[in-house]
Amino acid sequence: MKIAKRVGLEAVGWTLLVAGIAALVLPGPGLLMIFAAMAVLSQQYEWAERRLAPIKYRALKAAAESVASISRIVASVVGVVLLFAAGALWIANPPVPDWWSFSDALWLPGGIATATTQIVSGFIAIGLLIYSYRRFHGKPESVQALGRQIEEADREYDELSQRD
């Protein structure tokens, strides 16, 4: 049973990592998938565990910065709306316009799969925005505590890296 769990965790972790790297250039939540992959792989590999803490704290810092001002919140909401609009466009699959100068095959590639990843990404983005707002907006003490955690994680990572 232990071997099956290990193999299962490794398969999930490596699959998420490969999909996350692909999603960096394709539509989808690439960074979130990479973080999830590292979280899964950290249960099996020490190298992944060492890299997880700095990634986690930098992600939280980015979350805090994303709700630091009204203009950033508005920009994030506009980005979410654009994700949903793009997903709706892919679902509607309008005919290729006359002004499109490339091959017709390059017009809205991916079909329903691309639409699905865009819409799912939009829901993930909404969830992350709400989380960030509730945890960090108007709470400078939370941001300062996070800064201290990042510095501590960096020191620990440096110490562990020097041992290797």
N, C-alpha and C. Protein backbone atom coordinates (compact mmCIF):
# COMPACT_ATOMS: atom_id res chain seq x y z
N MET A 1 0.82 -1.19 0.00
CA MET A 1 0.00 0.00 0.00
C MET A 1 0.86 1.26 0.00
N LYS A 2 1.98 1.21 0.76
CA LYS A 2 2.88 2.35 0.83
C LYS A 2 3.50 2.65 -0.55
N ILE A 3 3.85 1.58 -1.27
CA ILE A 3 4.44 1.75 -2.59
C ILE A 3 3.42 2.34 -3.55
N ALA A 4 2.19 1.90 -3.48
CA ALA A 4 1.13 2.42 -4.35
C ALA A 4 0.90 3.91 -4.09
N LYS A 5 0.92 4.28 -2.81
CA LYS A 5 0.74 5.70 -2.46
C LYS A 5 1.90 6.53 -3.01
N ARG A 6 3.11 6.02 -2.85
CA ARG A 6 4.28 6.75 -3.35
C ARG A 6 4.23 6.92 -4.86
N VAL A 7 3.92 5.85 -5.56
CA VAL A 7 3.84 5.90 -7.02
C VAL A 7 2.72 6.85 -7.45
N GLY A 8 1.60 6.77 -6.76
CA GLY A 8 0.48 7.66 -7.08
C GLY A 8 0.82 9.13 -6.87
N LEU A 9 1.46 9.43 -5.72
CA LEU A 9 1.86 10.81 -5.45
C LEU A 9 2.87 11.31 -6.48
N GLU A 10 3.82 10.47 -6.81
CA GLU A 10 4.82 10.87 -7.81
C GLU A 10 4.17 11.10 -9.17
N ALA A 11 3.27 10.23 -9.56
CA ALA A 11 2.59 10.39 -10.85
C ALA A 11 1.79 11.69 -10.89
N VAL A 12 1.06 11.96 -9.82
CA VAL A 12 0.28 13.20 -9.76
C VAL A 12 1.21 14.41 -9.77
N GLY A 13 2.26 14.36 -8.95
CA GLY A 13 3.19 15.49 -8.87
C GLY A 13 3.87 15.80 -10.19
N TRP A 14 4.42 14.77 -10.83
CA TRP A 14 5.12 15.00 -12.10
C TRP A 14 4.15 15.41 -13.21
N THR A 15 2.93 14.86 -13.20
CA THR A 15 1.94 15.25 -14.19
C THR A 15 1.56 16.71 -14.02
N LEU A 16 1.34 17.12 -12.76
CA LEU A 16 1.02 18.53 -12.50
C LEU A 16 2.17 19.45 -12.92
N LEU A 17 3.40 19.00 -12.67
CA LEU A 17 4.55 19.83 -13.03
C LEU A 17 4.64 20.01 -14.54
N VAL A 18 4.52 18.93 -15.29
CA VAL A 18 4.58 19.02 -16.75
C VAL A 18 3.42 19.86 -17.29
N ALA A 19 2.22 19.63 -16.77
CA ALA A 19 1.04 20.40 -17.21
C ALA A 19 1.20 21.87 -16.83
N GLY A 20 1.76 22.14 -15.66
CA GLY A 20 1.97 23.52 -15.24
C GLY A 20 2.96 24.24 -16.12
N ILE A 21 4.03 23.56 -16.49
CA ILE A 21 5.02 24.17 -17.39
C ILE A 21 4.37 24.45 -18.74
N ALA A 22 3.57 23.49 -19.23
CA ALA A 22 2.86 23.71 -20.50
C ALA A 22 1.89 24.87 -20.39
N ALA A 23 1.22 24.98 -19.24
CA ALA A 23 0.22 26.04 -19.06
C ALA A 23 0.85 27.42 -18.91
N LEU A 24 2.17 27.48 -18.75
CA LEU A 24 2.82 28.79 -18.74
C LEU A 24 2.72 29.46 -20.11
N VAL A 25 2.71 28.64 -21.17
CA VAL A 25 2.62 29.19 -22.52
C VAL A 25 1.26 28.94 -23.16
N LEU A 26 0.50 28.01 -22.60
CA LEU A 26 -0.85 27.72 -23.09
C LEU A 26 -1.85 28.32 -22.10
N PRO A 27 -3.10 28.41 -22.48
CA PRO A 27 -4.09 28.92 -21.52
C PRO A 27 -4.21 27.97 -20.33
N GLY A 28 -4.16 28.54 -19.15
CA GLY A 28 -4.32 27.74 -17.95
C GLY A 28 -3.53 28.32 -16.79
N PRO A 29 -3.81 27.84 -15.58
CA PRO A 29 -3.15 28.35 -14.37
C PRO A 29 -1.80 27.69 -14.14
N GLY A 30 -0.81 28.03 -14.96
CA GLY A 30 0.49 27.37 -14.92
C GLY A 30 1.21 27.48 -13.60
N LEU A 31 1.32 28.68 -13.05
CA LEU A 31 2.06 28.84 -11.80
C LEU A 31 1.37 28.12 -10.65
N LEU A 32 0.07 28.15 -10.65
CA LEU A 32 -0.67 27.46 -9.60
C LEU A 32 -0.45 25.94 -9.70
N MET A 33 -0.41 25.43 -10.92
CA MET A 33 -0.18 23.99 -11.11
C MET A 33 1.24 23.61 -10.71
N ILE A 34 2.20 24.47 -10.99
CA ILE A 34 3.59 24.20 -10.60
C ILE A 34 3.71 24.19 -9.08
N PHE A 35 3.04 25.15 -8.42
CA PHE A 35 3.06 25.18 -6.97
C PHE A 35 2.43 23.90 -6.40
N ALA A 36 1.29 23.49 -6.96
CA ALA A 36 0.63 22.27 -6.50
C ALA A 36 1.54 21.06 -6.72
N ALA A 37 2.23 21.03 -7.85
CA ALA A 37 3.15 19.93 -8.14
C ALA A 37 4.27 19.88 -7.10
N MET A 38 4.83 21.03 -6.78
CA MET A 38 5.90 21.08 -5.79
C MET A 38 5.40 20.65 -4.42
N ALA A 39 4.16 21.01 -4.09
CA ALA A 39 3.58 20.60 -2.80
C ALA A 39 3.44 19.08 -2.75
N VAL A 40 3.00 18.48 -3.84
CA VAL A 40 2.85 17.02 -3.88
C VAL A 40 4.23 16.35 -3.87
N LEU A 41 5.13 16.84 -4.71
CA LEU A 41 6.46 16.22 -4.80
C LEU A 41 7.27 16.41 -3.51
N SER A 42 6.96 17.48 -2.74
CA SER A 42 7.70 17.72 -1.50
C SER A 42 7.45 16.62 -0.47
N GLN A 43 6.38 15.85 -0.65
CA GLN A 43 6.12 14.74 0.25
C GLN A 43 7.04 13.55 -0.04
N GLN A 44 7.65 13.55 -1.23
CA GLN A 44 8.51 12.44 -1.63
C GLN A 44 9.98 12.83 -1.77
N TYR A 45 10.24 14.10 -2.07
CA TYR A 45 11.61 14.53 -2.38
C TYR A 45 12.01 15.72 -1.51
N GLU A 46 13.20 15.63 -0.95
CA GLU A 46 13.70 16.72 -0.11
C GLU A 46 13.97 17.98 -0.93
N TRP A 47 14.46 17.81 -2.17
CA TRP A 47 14.74 18.97 -3.00
C TRP A 47 13.47 19.77 -3.26
N ALA A 48 12.35 19.11 -3.43
CA ALA A 48 11.09 19.81 -3.67
C ALA A 48 10.63 20.52 -2.40
N GLU A 49 10.84 19.88 -1.26
CA GLU A 49 10.44 20.50 0.01
C GLU A 49 11.24 21.77 0.27
N ARG A 50 12.53 21.75 -0.05
CA ARG A 50 13.38 22.93 0.15
C ARG A 50 12.94 24.09 -0.73
N ARG A 51 12.44 23.80 -1.91
CA ARG A 51 12.05 24.85 -2.83
C ARG A 51 10.62 25.33 -2.62
N LEU A 52 9.84 24.58 -1.88
CA LEU A 52 8.43 24.90 -1.70
C LEU A 52 8.22 26.15 -0.84
N ALA A 53 8.92 26.28 0.27
CA ALA A 53 8.70 27.42 1.17
C ALA A 53 8.96 28.76 0.48
N PRO A 54 10.09 28.94 -0.21
CA PRO A 54 10.29 30.23 -0.88
C PRO A 54 9.23 30.51 -1.95
N ILE A 55 8.81 29.48 -2.66
CA ILE A 55 7.77 29.66 -3.68
C ILE A 55 6.46 30.08 -3.01
N LYS A 56 6.12 29.41 -1.92
CA LYS A 56 4.88 29.72 -1.20
C LYS A 56 4.87 31.17 -0.73
N TYR A 57 5.94 31.61 -0.10
CA TYR A 57 5.96 32.96 0.44
C TYR A 57 5.99 34.01 -0.66
N ARG A 58 6.65 33.73 -1.76
CA ARG A 58 6.64 34.69 -2.87
C ARG A 58 5.24 34.76 -3.50
N ALA A 59 4.57 33.63 -3.57
CA ALA A 59 3.20 33.63 -4.09
C ALA A 59 2.29 34.44 -3.18
N LEU A 60 2.45 34.28 -1.86
CA LEU A 60 1.64 35.06 -0.93
C LEU A 60 1.98 36.55 -1.00
N LYS A 61 3.26 36.86 -1.23
CA LYS A 61 3.64 38.26 -1.38
C LYS A 61 2.98 38.86 -2.62
N ALA A 62 2.98 38.10 -3.70
CA ALA A 62 2.30 38.58 -4.93
C ALA A 62 0.81 38.75 -4.68
N ALA A 63 0.22 37.85 -3.89
CA ALA A 63 -1.20 37.97 -3.55
C ALA A 63 -1.45 39.24 -2.75
N ALA A 64 -0.57 39.53 -1.81
CA ALA A 64 -0.72 40.75 -1.00
C ALA A 64 -0.58 42.00 -1.88
N GLU A 65 0.38 41.98 -2.79
CA GLU A 65 0.58 43.13 -3.66
C GLU A 65 -0.58 43.32 -4.64
N SER A 66 -1.25 42.23 -5.00
CA SER A 66 -2.34 42.32 -5.98
C SER A 66 -3.56 43.05 -5.43
N VAL A 67 -3.66 43.17 -4.11
CA VAL A 67 -4.80 43.88 -3.52
C VAL A 67 -4.35 45.09 -2.71
N ALA A 68 -3.12 45.56 -2.99
CA ALA A 68 -2.57 46.68 -2.24
C ALA A 68 -3.26 47.99 -2.56
N SER A 69 -3.83 48.12 -3.74
CA SER A 69 -4.50 49.37 -4.12
C SER A 69 -5.74 49.04 -4.95
N ILE A 70 -6.62 50.02 -5.01
CA ILE A 70 -7.85 49.85 -5.78
C ILE A 70 -7.54 49.62 -7.25
N SER A 71 -6.53 50.30 -7.79
CA SER A 71 -6.21 50.13 -9.21
C SER A 71 -5.75 48.70 -9.51
N ARG A 72 -5.01 48.09 -8.59
CA ARG A 72 -4.58 46.70 -8.80
C ARG A 72 -5.76 45.74 -8.71
N ILE A 73 -6.67 46.01 -7.79
CA ILE A 73 -7.86 45.16 -7.68
C ILE A 73 -8.69 45.27 -8.96
N VAL A 74 -8.87 46.49 -9.46
CA VAL A 74 -9.63 46.69 -10.69
C VAL A 74 -8.95 45.98 -11.85
N ALA A 75 -7.62 46.10 -11.94
CA ALA A 75 -6.89 45.41 -13.02
C ALA A 75 -7.08 43.89 -12.93
N SER A 76 -7.07 43.35 -11.71
CA SER A 76 -7.29 41.91 -11.55
C SER A 76 -8.69 41.50 -11.97
N VAL A 77 -9.68 42.30 -11.59
CA VAL A 77 -11.06 42.01 -11.97
C VAL A 77 -11.22 42.08 -13.48
N VAL A 78 -10.60 43.06 -14.11
CA VAL A 78 -10.66 43.17 -15.57
C VAL A 78 -10.02 41.93 -16.21
N GLY A 79 -8.91 41.47 -15.65
CA GLY A 79 -8.27 40.26 -16.16
C GLY A 79 -9.19 39.04 -16.06
N VAL A 80 -9.91 38.93 -14.96
CA VAL A 80 -10.86 37.83 -14.78
C VAL A 80 -11.97 37.92 -15.81
N VAL A 81 -12.50 39.11 -16.01
CA VAL A 81 -13.58 39.31 -16.99
C VAL A 81 -13.08 38.94 -18.39
N LEU A 82 -11.84 39.30 -18.70
CA LEU A 82 -11.27 38.95 -20.01
C LEU A 82 -11.11 37.43 -20.17
N LEU A 83 -10.75 36.75 -19.09
CA LEU A 83 -10.66 35.29 -19.16
C LEU A 83 -12.01 34.67 -19.48
N PHE A 84 -13.05 35.13 -18.78
CA PHE A 84 -14.40 34.61 -19.05
C PHE A 84 -14.86 34.97 -20.47
N ALA A 85 -14.55 36.19 -20.90
CA ALA A 85 -14.95 36.61 -22.25
C ALA A 85 -14.24 35.77 -23.31
N ALA A 86 -12.96 35.50 -23.10
CA ALA A 86 -12.22 34.67 -24.05
C ALA A 86 -12.80 33.26 -24.08
N GLY A 87 -13.12 32.72 -22.91
CA GLY A 87 -13.73 31.40 -22.87
C GLY A 87 -15.07 31.37 -23.60
N ALA A 88 -15.87 32.42 -23.42
CA ALA A 88 -17.16 32.51 -24.12
C ALA A 88 -16.94 32.61 -25.63
N LEU A 89 -15.92 33.36 -26.04
CA LEU A 89 -15.62 33.49 -27.47
C LEU A 89 -15.25 32.13 -28.06
N TRP A 90 -14.42 31.38 -27.34
CA TRP A 90 -14.02 30.05 -27.84
C TRP A 90 -15.23 29.12 -27.90
N ILE A 91 -16.14 29.22 -26.94
CA ILE A 91 -17.33 28.37 -26.97
C ILE A 91 -18.23 28.76 -28.14
N ALA A 92 -18.41 30.07 -28.35
CA ALA A 92 -19.26 30.55 -29.45
C ALA A 92 -18.67 30.17 -30.81
N ASN A 93 -17.33 30.14 -30.89
CA ASN A 93 -16.61 29.76 -32.10
C ASN A 93 -17.16 30.46 -33.36
N PRO A 94 -17.05 31.79 -33.37
CA PRO A 94 -17.55 32.51 -34.55
C PRO A 94 -16.72 32.18 -35.79
N PRO A 95 -17.29 32.40 -36.98
CA PRO A 95 -16.53 32.10 -38.21
C PRO A 95 -15.29 33.00 -38.31
N VAL A 96 -14.34 32.53 -39.09
CA VAL A 96 -13.09 33.27 -39.29
C VAL A 96 -13.42 34.61 -39.97
N PRO A 97 -12.99 35.74 -39.39
CA PRO A 97 -13.30 37.04 -40.00
C PRO A 97 -12.47 37.29 -41.26
N ASP A 98 -12.94 38.19 -42.08
CA ASP A 98 -12.24 38.50 -43.34
C ASP A 98 -10.86 39.11 -43.10
N TRP A 99 -10.70 39.86 -42.01
CA TRP A 99 -9.42 40.52 -41.75
C TRP A 99 -8.34 39.56 -41.26
N TRP A 100 -8.68 38.31 -40.92
CA TRP A 100 -7.72 37.34 -40.42
C TRP A 100 -6.82 36.90 -41.57
N SER A 101 -5.53 37.21 -41.47
CA SER A 101 -4.61 36.96 -42.57
C SER A 101 -3.85 35.64 -42.44
N PHE A 102 -4.06 34.93 -41.35
CA PHE A 102 -3.37 33.66 -41.15
C PHE A 102 -4.26 32.51 -41.60
N SER A 103 -3.74 31.31 -41.49
CA SER A 103 -4.50 30.12 -41.84
C SER A 103 -5.76 30.04 -40.97
N ASP A 104 -6.84 29.54 -41.57
CA ASP A 104 -8.09 29.39 -40.81
C ASP A 104 -7.91 28.46 -39.61
N ALA A 105 -6.98 27.53 -39.69
CA ALA A 105 -6.73 26.59 -38.59
C ALA A 105 -6.18 27.30 -37.35
N LEU A 106 -5.60 28.47 -37.52
CA LEU A 106 -5.05 29.23 -36.40
C LEU A 106 -6.08 30.14 -35.73
N TRP A 107 -7.30 30.17 -36.23
CA TRP A 107 -8.35 30.99 -35.63
C TRP A 107 -8.97 30.21 -34.46
N LEU A 108 -8.81 30.72 -33.25
CA LEU A 108 -9.35 30.12 -32.03
C LEU A 108 -9.00 28.63 -31.90
N PRO A 109 -7.70 28.31 -31.87
CA PRO A 109 -7.30 26.90 -31.78
C PRO A 109 -7.65 26.30 -30.41
N GLY A 110 -7.86 25.03 -30.40
CA GLY A 110 -8.09 24.32 -29.15
C GLY A 110 -9.54 24.04 -28.84
N GLY A 111 -10.44 24.81 -29.42
CA GLY A 111 -11.87 24.56 -29.23
C GLY A 111 -12.33 24.59 -27.80
N ILE A 112 -13.19 23.65 -27.46
CA ILE A 112 -13.82 23.61 -26.15
C ILE A 112 -12.82 23.38 -25.02
N ALA A 113 -11.71 22.68 -25.30
CA ALA A 113 -10.69 22.45 -24.27
C ALA A 113 -10.07 23.78 -23.85
N THR A 114 -9.76 24.64 -24.82
CA THR A 114 -9.19 25.94 -24.51
C THR A 114 -10.21 26.78 -23.75
N ALA A 115 -11.46 26.75 -24.19
CA ALA A 115 -12.52 27.50 -23.51
C ALA A 115 -12.64 27.05 -22.06
N THR A 116 -12.59 25.76 -21.84
CA THR A 116 -12.71 25.22 -20.49
C THR A 116 -11.57 25.70 -19.60
N THR A 117 -10.33 25.64 -20.10
CA THR A 117 -9.20 26.08 -19.27
C THR A 117 -9.28 27.56 -18.98
N GLN A 118 -9.77 28.35 -19.92
CA GLN A 118 -9.90 29.79 -19.67
C GLN A 118 -10.96 30.07 -18.61
N ILE A 119 -12.06 29.38 -18.68
CA ILE A 119 -13.14 29.61 -17.71
C ILE A 119 -12.73 29.09 -16.33
N VAL A 120 -12.12 27.92 -16.28
CA VAL A 120 -11.63 27.40 -15.00
C VAL A 120 -10.58 28.35 -14.41
N SER A 121 -9.70 28.87 -15.25
CA SER A 121 -8.70 29.84 -14.79
C SER A 121 -9.37 31.08 -14.22
N GLY A 122 -10.46 31.50 -14.84
CA GLY A 122 -11.21 32.66 -14.34
C GLY A 122 -11.77 32.40 -12.95
N PHE A 123 -12.33 31.21 -12.74
CA PHE A 123 -12.86 30.87 -11.41
C PHE A 123 -11.74 30.78 -10.37
N ILE A 124 -10.62 30.21 -10.75
CA ILE A 124 -9.47 30.13 -9.84
C ILE A 124 -9.00 31.55 -9.50
N ALA A 125 -8.93 32.41 -10.51
CA ALA A 125 -8.50 33.79 -10.28
C ALA A 125 -9.45 34.53 -9.34
N ILE A 126 -10.75 34.31 -9.51
CA ILE A 126 -11.72 34.94 -8.59
C ILE A 126 -11.48 34.45 -7.16
N GLY A 127 -11.32 33.16 -7.01
CA GLY A 127 -11.08 32.60 -5.68
C GLY A 127 -9.81 33.16 -5.05
N LEU A 128 -8.74 33.25 -5.83
CA LEU A 128 -7.49 33.79 -5.32
C LEU A 128 -7.61 35.28 -4.99
N LEU A 129 -8.35 36.01 -5.79
CA LEU A 129 -8.55 37.44 -5.53
C LEU A 129 -9.33 37.65 -4.24
N ILE A 130 -10.38 36.87 -4.04
CA ILE A 130 -11.17 36.98 -2.81
C ILE A 130 -10.31 36.61 -1.60
N TYR A 131 -9.55 35.52 -1.72
CA TYR A 131 -8.65 35.11 -0.64
C TYR A 131 -7.66 36.23 -0.31
N SER A 132 -7.03 36.78 -1.34
CA SER A 132 -6.03 37.83 -1.15
C SER A 132 -6.64 39.06 -0.50
N TYR A 133 -7.82 39.42 -0.95
CA TYR A 133 -8.48 40.61 -0.41
C TYR A 133 -8.80 40.40 1.08
N ARG A 134 -9.36 39.26 1.41
CA ARG A 134 -9.75 39.01 2.80
C ARG A 134 -8.53 38.88 3.71
N ARG A 135 -7.45 38.33 3.20
CA ARG A 135 -6.27 38.12 4.05
C ARG A 135 -5.38 39.35 4.16
N PHE A 136 -5.25 40.14 3.07
CA PHE A 136 -4.23 41.18 3.05
C PHE A 136 -4.72 42.61 2.91
N HIS A 137 -5.85 42.85 2.29
CA HIS A 137 -6.26 44.22 2.01
C HIS A 137 -6.51 45.00 3.31
N GLY A 138 -5.82 46.11 3.45
CA GLY A 138 -5.96 46.95 4.63
C GLY A 138 -5.38 46.35 5.89
N LYS A 139 -4.50 45.38 5.74
CA LYS A 139 -3.88 44.72 6.91
C LYS A 139 -2.36 44.74 6.76
N PRO A 140 -1.75 45.91 6.99
CA PRO A 140 -0.30 46.00 6.81
C PRO A 140 0.48 45.06 7.72
N GLU A 141 -0.08 44.71 8.89
CA GLU A 141 0.63 43.80 9.79
C GLU A 141 0.76 42.41 9.16
N SER A 142 -0.23 41.99 8.37
CA SER A 142 -0.15 40.69 7.69
C SER A 142 0.94 40.71 6.64
N VAL A 143 1.04 41.82 5.92
CA VAL A 143 2.07 41.95 4.88
C VAL A 143 3.45 41.98 5.51
N GLN A 144 3.61 42.69 6.64
CA GLN A 144 4.90 42.74 7.32
C GLN A 144 5.30 41.37 7.86
N ALA A 145 4.34 40.66 8.44
CA ALA A 145 4.63 39.31 8.94
C ALA A 145 5.04 38.39 7.80
N LEU A 146 4.40 38.55 6.66
CA LEU A 146 4.76 37.76 5.49
C LEU A 146 6.19 38.08 5.05
N GLY A 147 6.56 39.35 5.09
CA GLY A 147 7.93 39.74 4.74
C GLY A 147 8.95 39.07 5.63
N ARG A 148 8.66 39.00 6.93
CA ARG A 148 9.57 38.32 7.86
C ARG A 148 9.64 36.83 7.56
N GLN A 149 8.52 36.23 7.20
CA GLN A 149 8.51 34.81 6.86
C GLN A 149 9.33 34.54 5.59
N ILE A 150 9.23 35.45 4.62
CA ILE A 150 10.01 35.29 3.38
C ILE A 150 11.50 35.36 3.69
N GLU A 151 11.91 36.31 4.52
CA GLU A 151 13.32 36.43 4.88
C GLU A 151 13.81 35.17 5.60
N GLU A 152 12.99 34.64 6.51
CA GLU A 152 13.35 33.43 7.23
C GLU A 152 13.44 32.23 6.28
N ALA A 153 12.49 32.11 5.36
CA ALA A 153 12.51 31.01 4.39
C ALA A 153 13.74 31.12 3.50
N ASP A 154 14.11 32.33 3.10
CA ASP A 154 15.31 32.52 2.28
C ASP A 154 16.56 32.07 3.03
N ARG A 155 16.65 32.43 4.31
CA ARG A 155 17.82 32.03 5.11
C ARG A 155 17.89 30.50 5.22
N GLU A 156 16.75 29.87 5.52
CA GLU A 156 16.73 28.41 5.63
C GLU A 156 17.11 27.76 4.31
N TYR A 157 16.58 28.30 3.21
CA TYR A 157 16.88 27.74 1.89
C TYR A 157 18.38 27.87 1.59
N ASP A 158 18.96 29.03 1.91
CA ASP A 158 20.39 29.24 1.68
C ASP A 158 21.22 28.27 2.50
N GLU A 159 20.84 28.07 3.77
CA GLU A 159 21.59 27.15 4.64
C GLU A 159 21.51 25.72 4.11
N LEU A 160 20.32 25.30 3.69
CA LEU A 160 20.17 23.95 3.17
C LEU A 160 20.91 23.79 1.84
N SER A 161 20.91 24.82 1.01
CA SER A 161 21.61 24.76 -0.28
C SER A 161 23.11 24.65 -0.07
N GLN A 162 23.63 25.32 0.95
CA GLN A 162 25.07 25.28 1.20
C GLN A 162 25.52 23.91 1.71
N ARG A 163 24.61 23.20 2.37
CA ARG A 163 24.95 21.86 2.87
C ARG A 163 25.07 20.86 1.73
N ASP A 164 24.30 21.10 0.67
CA ASP A 164 24.31 20.15 -0.46
C ASP A 164 25.52 20.38 -1.26
